[in-house]
């Protein structure tokens, strides 16, 4: 009887508790490394969406000025009529600031999750500046480094 039991135990193929614990430990270490990297990439994706939005707003602003004798608009709704993709605020929000004279403008897109703000400013002399400000919502390091992108 004892030999039958010993023979049956030798024939069974399976994993020991130690082997299973080692595999679980390896998976936990890989997850600890991968999850922060994944979250960081999400922050960069939100910033990239905001950058795309501000560049599209710049093109729409120039299109508006071409149709209106070089005068720039002061509302985001006018730009959204030119480029309907600017009305999608699921990942970033757009704001438009125009000078009182109407010959310069500033478009700002803020990523919703990282709160990084990306700005394109066009001055009266035609000089363009691209600046950004770090938000407080994470995604570090995001697409904004030292005020530029």
N, C-alpha and C. Protein backbone atom coordinates (compact mmCIF):
# COMPACT_ATOMS: atom_id res chain seq x y z
N UNK A 1 0.82 -1.18 0.00
CA UNK A 1 0.00 0.00 0.00
C UNK A 1 0.88 1.26 0.00
N UNK A 2 1.89 1.28 0.84
CA UNK A 2 2.78 2.42 0.92
C UNK A 2 3.56 2.60 -0.37
N UNK A 3 3.95 1.54 -1.01
CA UNK A 3 4.68 1.64 -2.27
C UNK A 3 3.78 2.17 -3.38
N UNK A 4 2.50 1.81 -3.36
CA UNK A 4 1.56 2.35 -4.35
C UNK A 4 1.42 3.86 -4.18
N UNK A 5 1.32 4.30 -2.95
CA UNK A 5 1.17 5.72 -2.67
C UNK A 5 2.44 6.49 -3.09
N UNK A 6 3.60 5.93 -2.79
CA UNK A 6 4.86 6.55 -3.16
C UNK A 6 4.99 6.60 -4.68
N UNK A 7 4.60 5.55 -5.37
CA UNK A 7 4.68 5.50 -6.82
C UNK A 7 3.74 6.53 -7.44
N UNK A 8 2.53 6.69 -6.89
CA UNK A 8 1.56 7.65 -7.41
C UNK A 8 2.08 9.08 -7.21
N UNK A 9 2.71 9.37 -6.07
CA UNK A 9 3.25 10.70 -5.80
C UNK A 9 4.40 11.04 -6.75
N UNK A 10 5.19 10.06 -7.14
CA UNK A 10 6.29 10.32 -8.05
C UNK A 10 5.80 10.56 -9.48
N UNK A 11 4.68 9.98 -9.84
CA UNK A 11 4.15 10.13 -11.19
C UNK A 11 3.45 11.47 -11.41
N UNK A 12 2.93 12.04 -10.35
CA UNK A 12 2.19 13.31 -10.51
C UNK A 12 3.16 14.43 -10.82
N UNK A 13 2.87 15.15 -11.90
CA UNK A 13 3.69 16.29 -12.31
C UNK A 13 2.93 17.56 -11.94
N UNK A 14 3.55 18.43 -11.23
CA UNK A 14 2.91 19.68 -10.82
C UNK A 14 3.95 20.65 -10.31
N UNK A 15 3.48 21.81 -9.89
CA UNK A 15 4.37 22.84 -9.39
C UNK A 15 4.35 22.82 -7.87
N UNK A 16 5.47 23.06 -7.30
CA UNK A 16 5.54 23.15 -5.84
C UNK A 16 5.13 24.56 -5.42
N UNK A 17 4.85 24.73 -4.17
CA UNK A 17 4.45 26.03 -3.64
C UNK A 17 5.57 27.05 -3.83
N UNK A 18 6.79 26.66 -3.64
CA UNK A 18 7.94 27.56 -3.81
C UNK A 18 8.04 28.04 -5.26
N UNK A 19 7.85 27.14 -6.21
CA UNK A 19 7.91 27.53 -7.63
C UNK A 19 6.82 28.53 -7.96
N UNK A 20 5.63 28.31 -7.44
CA UNK A 20 4.53 29.25 -7.69
C UNK A 20 4.81 30.61 -7.06
N UNK A 21 5.36 30.62 -5.86
CA UNK A 21 5.68 31.88 -5.20
C UNK A 21 6.77 32.64 -5.95
N UNK A 22 7.74 31.95 -6.50
CA UNK A 22 8.79 32.61 -7.27
C UNK A 22 8.20 33.25 -8.53
N UNK A 23 7.31 32.57 -9.20
CA UNK A 23 6.67 33.12 -10.40
C UNK A 23 5.84 34.36 -10.05
N UNK A 24 5.10 34.30 -8.95
CA UNK A 24 4.29 35.45 -8.52
C UNK A 24 5.20 36.62 -8.16
N UNK A 25 6.32 36.35 -7.53
CA UNK A 25 7.28 37.40 -7.18
C UNK A 25 7.85 38.05 -8.43
N UNK A 26 8.18 37.28 -9.43
CA UNK A 26 8.71 37.83 -10.69
C UNK A 26 7.67 38.70 -11.37
N UNK A 27 6.44 38.25 -11.40
CA UNK A 27 5.35 39.04 -12.01
C UNK A 27 5.16 40.35 -11.25
N UNK A 28 5.23 40.31 -9.92
CA UNK A 28 5.06 41.52 -9.12
C UNK A 28 6.20 42.52 -9.39
N UNK A 29 7.41 42.04 -9.53
CA UNK A 29 8.54 42.94 -9.82
C UNK A 29 8.38 43.58 -11.20
N UNK A 30 7.99 42.80 -12.18
CA UNK A 30 7.76 43.36 -13.52
C UNK A 30 6.64 44.39 -13.52
N UNK A 31 5.58 44.14 -12.78
CA UNK A 31 4.47 45.09 -12.69
C UNK A 31 4.92 46.38 -11.99
N UNK A 32 5.74 46.26 -10.96
CA UNK A 32 6.22 47.44 -10.25
C UNK A 32 7.08 48.32 -11.15
N UNK A 33 7.74 47.74 -12.11
CA UNK A 33 8.55 48.51 -13.05
C UNK A 33 7.68 49.07 -14.18
N UNK A 34 6.74 48.30 -14.67
CA UNK A 34 5.97 48.67 -15.86
C UNK A 34 4.86 49.68 -15.57
N UNK A 35 4.21 49.62 -14.43
CA UNK A 35 3.06 50.49 -14.18
C UNK A 35 3.46 51.97 -14.14
N UNK A 36 4.50 52.38 -13.42
CA UNK A 36 4.87 53.80 -13.48
C UNK A 36 5.26 54.27 -14.87
N UNK A 37 5.91 53.42 -15.63
CA UNK A 37 6.28 53.77 -17.00
C UNK A 37 5.03 53.98 -17.85
N UNK A 38 4.05 53.11 -17.67
CA UNK A 38 2.80 53.24 -18.42
C UNK A 38 2.08 54.53 -18.05
N UNK A 39 2.01 54.86 -16.77
CA UNK A 39 1.33 56.08 -16.35
C UNK A 39 2.04 57.31 -16.88
N UNK A 40 3.35 57.27 -16.95
CA UNK A 40 4.12 58.38 -17.50
C UNK A 40 3.80 58.56 -18.99
N UNK A 41 3.66 57.48 -19.72
CA UNK A 41 3.34 57.56 -21.14
C UNK A 41 1.95 58.14 -21.35
N UNK A 42 1.03 57.85 -20.45
CA UNK A 42 -0.31 58.43 -20.56
C UNK A 42 -0.24 59.94 -20.43
N UNK A 43 0.59 60.43 -19.50
CA UNK A 43 0.75 61.87 -19.34
C UNK A 43 1.31 62.52 -20.58
N UNK A 44 2.26 61.87 -21.20
CA UNK A 44 2.83 62.39 -22.45
C UNK A 44 1.78 62.39 -23.57
N UNK A 45 0.92 61.40 -23.58
CA UNK A 45 -0.14 61.34 -24.60
C UNK A 45 -1.13 62.49 -24.42
N UNK A 46 -1.50 62.80 -23.18
CA UNK A 46 -2.39 63.94 -22.95
C UNK A 46 -1.73 65.24 -23.38
N UNK A 47 -0.44 65.38 -23.09
CA UNK A 47 0.28 66.58 -23.51
C UNK A 47 0.36 66.67 -25.03
N UNK A 48 0.57 65.55 -25.68
CA UNK A 48 0.65 65.53 -27.14
C UNK A 48 -0.68 65.96 -27.76
N UNK A 49 -1.77 65.55 -27.15
CA UNK A 49 -3.09 65.95 -27.64
C UNK A 49 -3.26 67.47 -27.50
N UNK A 50 -2.82 68.03 -26.39
CA UNK A 50 -2.91 69.48 -26.19
C UNK A 50 -2.03 70.22 -27.20
N UNK A 51 -0.84 69.70 -27.48
CA UNK A 51 0.03 70.32 -28.47
C UNK A 51 -0.62 70.31 -29.85
N UNK A 52 -1.23 69.20 -30.19
CA UNK A 52 -1.91 69.10 -31.48
C UNK A 52 -3.06 70.10 -31.56
N UNK A 53 -3.78 70.24 -30.45
CA UNK A 53 -4.92 71.17 -30.43
C UNK A 53 -4.45 72.61 -30.61
N UNK A 54 -3.37 73.00 -29.93
CA UNK A 54 -2.92 74.38 -30.03
C UNK A 54 -2.37 74.68 -31.44
N UNK A 55 -1.75 73.71 -32.07
CA UNK A 55 -1.28 73.92 -33.45
C UNK A 55 -2.46 74.01 -34.43
N UNK A 56 -3.48 73.20 -34.22
CA UNK A 56 -4.68 73.31 -35.06
C UNK A 56 -5.37 74.64 -34.85
N UNK A 57 -5.38 75.12 -33.61
CA UNK A 57 -5.99 76.42 -33.32
C UNK A 57 -5.20 77.54 -33.99
N UNK A 58 -3.90 77.40 -34.05
CA UNK A 58 -3.08 78.41 -34.72
C UNK A 58 -3.43 78.47 -36.21
N UNK A 59 -3.57 77.32 -36.84
CA UNK A 59 -3.93 77.28 -38.26
C UNK A 59 -5.32 77.89 -38.46
N UNK A 60 -6.25 77.56 -37.58
CA UNK A 60 -7.60 78.11 -37.68
C UNK A 60 -7.59 79.62 -37.46
N UNK A 61 -6.75 80.09 -36.55
CA UNK A 61 -6.62 81.53 -36.30
C UNK A 61 -6.10 82.26 -37.53
N UNK A 62 -5.10 81.69 -38.18
CA UNK A 62 -4.57 82.29 -39.40
C UNK A 62 -5.59 82.25 -40.53
N UNK A 63 -6.35 81.16 -40.60
CA UNK A 63 -7.41 81.06 -41.60
C UNK A 63 -8.46 82.14 -41.37
N UNK A 64 -8.84 82.34 -40.12
CA UNK A 64 -9.81 83.38 -39.77
C UNK A 64 -9.28 84.75 -40.17
N UNK A 65 -8.00 85.00 -39.88
CA UNK A 65 -7.42 86.31 -40.21
C UNK A 65 -7.37 86.54 -41.71
N UNK A 66 -7.11 85.49 -42.47
CA UNK A 66 -7.08 85.61 -43.92
C UNK A 66 -8.44 86.02 -44.47
N UNK A 67 -9.49 85.49 -43.88
CA UNK A 67 -10.85 85.79 -44.33
C UNK A 67 -11.37 87.11 -43.77
N UNK A 68 -10.70 87.70 -42.79
CA UNK A 68 -11.21 88.91 -42.13
C UNK A 68 -10.19 90.04 -42.13
N UNK A 69 -9.53 90.25 -43.25
CA UNK A 69 -8.60 91.37 -43.44
C UNK A 69 -7.50 91.45 -42.39
N UNK A 70 -6.98 90.31 -41.97
CA UNK A 70 -5.86 90.28 -41.04
C UNK A 70 -6.24 90.48 -39.59
N UNK A 71 -7.51 90.54 -39.28
CA UNK A 71 -7.94 90.73 -37.90
C UNK A 71 -8.16 89.36 -37.26
N UNK A 72 -7.64 89.20 -36.05
CA UNK A 72 -7.75 87.92 -35.35
C UNK A 72 -8.97 87.92 -34.43
N UNK A 73 -9.47 86.73 -34.21
CA UNK A 73 -10.67 86.57 -33.39
C UNK A 73 -10.34 86.54 -31.90
N UNK A 74 -11.33 86.77 -31.08
CA UNK A 74 -11.15 86.69 -29.64
C UNK A 74 -11.92 85.54 -29.03
N UNK A 75 -12.53 84.68 -29.84
CA UNK A 75 -13.33 83.60 -29.26
C UNK A 75 -12.93 82.25 -29.84
N UNK A 76 -12.98 81.25 -28.97
CA UNK A 76 -12.68 79.89 -29.41
C UNK A 76 -13.79 79.35 -30.29
N UNK A 77 -15.02 79.83 -30.10
CA UNK A 77 -16.14 79.32 -30.90
C UNK A 77 -15.97 79.66 -32.38
N UNK A 78 -15.38 80.81 -32.68
CA UNK A 78 -15.14 81.15 -34.09
C UNK A 78 -14.12 80.21 -34.70
N UNK A 79 -13.12 79.81 -33.92
CA UNK A 79 -12.13 78.86 -34.42
C UNK A 79 -12.74 77.46 -34.57
N UNK A 80 -13.64 77.10 -33.68
CA UNK A 80 -14.29 75.80 -33.75
C UNK A 80 -15.18 75.69 -34.99
N UNK A 81 -15.68 76.81 -35.47
CA UNK A 81 -16.47 76.79 -36.70
C UNK A 81 -15.56 76.50 -37.90
N UNK A 82 -14.31 76.96 -37.83
CA UNK A 82 -13.35 76.70 -38.90
C UNK A 82 -12.83 75.28 -38.81
N UNK A 83 -12.46 74.83 -37.61
CA UNK A 83 -11.92 73.49 -37.39
C UNK A 83 -12.74 72.80 -36.30
N UNK A 84 -13.72 71.97 -36.68
CA UNK A 84 -14.60 71.34 -35.69
C UNK A 84 -13.88 70.44 -34.69
N UNK A 85 -12.68 69.98 -35.01
CA UNK A 85 -11.95 69.12 -34.06
C UNK A 85 -11.57 69.88 -32.79
N UNK A 86 -11.54 71.20 -32.85
CA UNK A 86 -11.19 71.99 -31.68
C UNK A 86 -12.28 71.99 -30.61
N UNK A 87 -13.48 71.54 -30.96
CA UNK A 87 -14.57 71.50 -29.97
C UNK A 87 -14.52 70.25 -29.10
N UNK A 88 -13.63 69.30 -29.43
CA UNK A 88 -13.48 68.09 -28.61
C UNK A 88 -12.61 68.44 -27.40
N UNK A 89 -13.24 68.54 -26.24
CA UNK A 89 -12.52 68.91 -25.03
C UNK A 89 -12.34 67.72 -24.09
N UNK A 90 -12.34 66.51 -24.62
CA UNK A 90 -12.20 65.33 -23.78
C UNK A 90 -10.78 65.19 -23.22
N UNK A 91 -9.77 65.69 -23.91
CA UNK A 91 -8.39 65.55 -23.44
C UNK A 91 -7.71 66.89 -23.19
N UNK A 92 -8.20 67.96 -23.81
CA UNK A 92 -7.59 69.28 -23.64
C UNK A 92 -8.65 70.36 -23.86
N UNK A 93 -8.42 71.51 -23.23
CA UNK A 93 -9.33 72.64 -23.42
C UNK A 93 -8.56 73.78 -24.08
N UNK A 94 -9.27 74.55 -24.87
CA UNK A 94 -8.66 75.61 -25.67
C UNK A 94 -9.15 76.96 -25.19
N UNK A 95 -8.23 77.92 -25.12
CA UNK A 95 -8.62 79.31 -24.87
C UNK A 95 -7.86 80.19 -25.85
N UNK A 96 -8.51 81.28 -26.26
CA UNK A 96 -7.94 82.19 -27.26
C UNK A 96 -7.92 83.59 -26.67
N UNK A 97 -6.78 84.26 -26.79
CA UNK A 97 -6.66 85.64 -26.33
C UNK A 97 -6.14 86.47 -27.49
N UNK A 98 -6.87 87.53 -27.81
CA UNK A 98 -6.44 88.43 -28.89
C UNK A 98 -6.13 89.80 -28.29
N UNK A 99 -5.24 90.49 -28.92
CA UNK A 99 -4.91 91.84 -28.49
C UNK A 99 -6.06 92.77 -28.84
N UNK A 100 -6.22 93.87 -28.11
CA UNK A 100 -7.30 94.82 -28.41
C UNK A 100 -7.25 95.36 -29.83
N UNK A 101 -6.05 95.45 -30.40
CA UNK A 101 -5.95 95.95 -31.77
C UNK A 101 -6.29 94.89 -32.80
N UNK A 102 -6.30 93.63 -32.40
CA UNK A 102 -6.67 92.55 -33.30
C UNK A 102 -5.58 92.11 -34.24
N UNK A 103 -4.34 92.57 -34.04
CA UNK A 103 -3.27 92.18 -34.95
C UNK A 103 -2.28 91.20 -34.31
N UNK A 104 -2.62 90.68 -33.16
CA UNK A 104 -1.82 89.63 -32.55
C UNK A 104 -2.78 88.72 -31.77
N UNK A 105 -2.31 87.54 -31.46
CA UNK A 105 -3.17 86.59 -30.75
C UNK A 105 -2.33 85.63 -29.93
N UNK A 106 -3.04 84.92 -29.08
CA UNK A 106 -2.42 83.87 -28.26
C UNK A 106 -3.43 82.75 -28.11
N UNK A 107 -3.03 81.53 -28.48
CA UNK A 107 -3.88 80.36 -28.29
C UNK A 107 -3.22 79.46 -27.25
N UNK A 108 -4.04 78.95 -26.33
CA UNK A 108 -3.54 78.13 -25.23
C UNK A 108 -4.38 76.87 -25.16
N UNK A 109 -3.73 75.72 -25.14
CA UNK A 109 -4.42 74.45 -24.93
C UNK A 109 -3.86 73.84 -23.64
N UNK A 110 -4.77 73.45 -22.76
CA UNK A 110 -4.37 72.88 -21.48
C UNK A 110 -4.81 71.42 -21.44
N UNK A 111 -3.85 70.52 -21.20
CA UNK A 111 -4.16 69.10 -21.09
C UNK A 111 -4.97 68.88 -19.82
N UNK A 112 -6.09 68.18 -19.94
CA UNK A 112 -6.99 68.01 -18.81
C UNK A 112 -6.37 67.23 -17.65
N UNK A 113 -5.66 66.18 -17.93
CA UNK A 113 -5.17 65.32 -16.85
C UNK A 113 -3.85 65.80 -16.25
N UNK A 114 -2.97 66.39 -17.04
CA UNK A 114 -1.68 66.84 -16.51
C UNK A 114 -1.68 68.32 -16.16
N UNK A 115 -2.64 69.07 -16.68
CA UNK A 115 -2.73 70.53 -16.50
C UNK A 115 -1.54 71.27 -17.09
N UNK A 116 -0.80 70.63 -17.99
CA UNK A 116 0.26 71.32 -18.72
C UNK A 116 -0.41 72.23 -19.76
N UNK A 117 0.02 73.49 -19.83
CA UNK A 117 -0.56 74.45 -20.78
C UNK A 117 0.46 74.75 -21.87
N UNK A 118 0.02 74.63 -23.12
CA UNK A 118 0.88 74.89 -24.28
C UNK A 118 0.35 76.13 -24.99
N UNK A 119 1.24 77.08 -25.25
CA UNK A 119 0.85 78.39 -25.76
C UNK A 119 1.61 78.71 -27.04
N UNK A 120 0.87 79.24 -28.01
CA UNK A 120 1.49 79.82 -29.21
C UNK A 120 1.05 81.27 -29.25
N UNK A 121 2.03 82.17 -29.31
CA UNK A 121 1.75 83.60 -29.34
C UNK A 121 2.31 84.16 -30.64
N UNK A 122 1.48 84.90 -31.33
CA UNK A 122 1.89 85.57 -32.57
C UNK A 122 1.81 87.06 -32.30
N UNK A 123 2.95 87.75 -32.40
CA UNK A 123 3.00 89.18 -32.11
C UNK A 123 2.72 90.03 -33.33
N UNK A 124 2.68 91.34 -33.12
CA UNK A 124 2.38 92.27 -34.21
C UNK A 124 3.47 92.26 -35.28
N UNK A 125 4.70 91.95 -34.89
CA UNK A 125 5.79 91.94 -35.86
C UNK A 125 5.94 90.58 -36.55
N UNK A 126 5.01 89.64 -36.31
CA UNK A 126 5.05 88.34 -36.95
C UNK A 126 5.92 87.33 -36.26
N UNK A 127 6.45 87.67 -35.08
CA UNK A 127 7.30 86.75 -34.34
C UNK A 127 6.42 85.80 -33.54
N UNK A 128 6.70 84.54 -33.70
CA UNK A 128 5.91 83.51 -33.01
C UNK A 128 6.74 82.94 -31.87
N UNK A 129 6.08 82.69 -30.75
CA UNK A 129 6.76 82.03 -29.63
C UNK A 129 5.91 80.88 -29.14
N UNK A 130 6.57 79.77 -28.87
CA UNK A 130 5.92 78.58 -28.34
C UNK A 130 6.42 78.38 -26.91
N UNK A 131 5.52 78.48 -25.96
CA UNK A 131 5.89 78.30 -24.56
C UNK A 131 4.94 77.31 -23.91
N UNK A 132 5.33 76.85 -22.74
CA UNK A 132 4.46 75.95 -21.99
C UNK A 132 4.70 76.14 -20.50
N UNK A 133 3.75 75.67 -19.72
CA UNK A 133 3.90 75.72 -18.27
C UNK A 133 3.51 74.36 -17.72
N UNK A 134 4.30 73.89 -16.76
CA UNK A 134 4.04 72.60 -16.14
C UNK A 134 2.80 72.68 -15.28
N UNK A 135 1.98 71.64 -15.38
CA UNK A 135 0.80 71.57 -14.55
C UNK A 135 1.07 70.76 -13.30
N UNK A 136 0.03 70.54 -12.55
CA UNK A 136 0.18 69.81 -11.29
C UNK A 136 -0.48 68.45 -11.33
N UNK A 137 -0.91 68.03 -12.51
CA UNK A 137 -1.69 66.79 -12.59
C UNK A 137 -0.89 65.54 -12.86
N UNK A 138 0.42 65.58 -12.84
CA UNK A 138 1.22 64.38 -13.08
C UNK A 138 1.73 64.34 -14.49
N UNK A 139 2.11 63.16 -14.93
CA UNK A 139 2.67 63.00 -16.27
C UNK A 139 4.10 63.46 -16.35
N UNK A 140 4.77 63.54 -15.22
CA UNK A 140 6.14 64.03 -15.20
C UNK A 140 7.12 62.90 -15.53
N UNK A 141 8.04 63.05 -16.42
CA UNK A 141 8.23 64.26 -17.20
C UNK A 141 7.30 64.27 -18.40
N UNK A 142 6.56 65.32 -18.54
CA UNK A 142 5.65 65.45 -19.66
C UNK A 142 6.36 66.06 -20.84
N UNK A 143 5.59 66.67 -21.72
CA UNK A 143 6.17 67.25 -22.93
C UNK A 143 6.72 68.65 -22.70
N UNK A 144 6.40 69.25 -21.56
CA UNK A 144 6.89 70.59 -21.25
C UNK A 144 8.15 70.49 -20.41
N UNK A 145 9.27 70.98 -20.97
CA UNK A 145 10.53 70.97 -20.23
C UNK A 145 11.12 72.37 -20.25
N UNK A 146 11.29 72.94 -19.10
CA UNK A 146 11.90 74.27 -18.92
C UNK A 146 11.18 75.35 -19.71
N UNK A 147 9.87 75.25 -19.80
CA UNK A 147 9.09 76.29 -20.46
C UNK A 147 9.02 76.22 -21.96
N UNK A 148 9.56 75.17 -22.57
CA UNK A 148 9.49 75.06 -24.03
C UNK A 148 9.03 73.66 -24.42
N UNK A 149 8.55 73.57 -25.66
CA UNK A 149 8.09 72.26 -26.16
C UNK A 149 8.45 72.10 -27.61
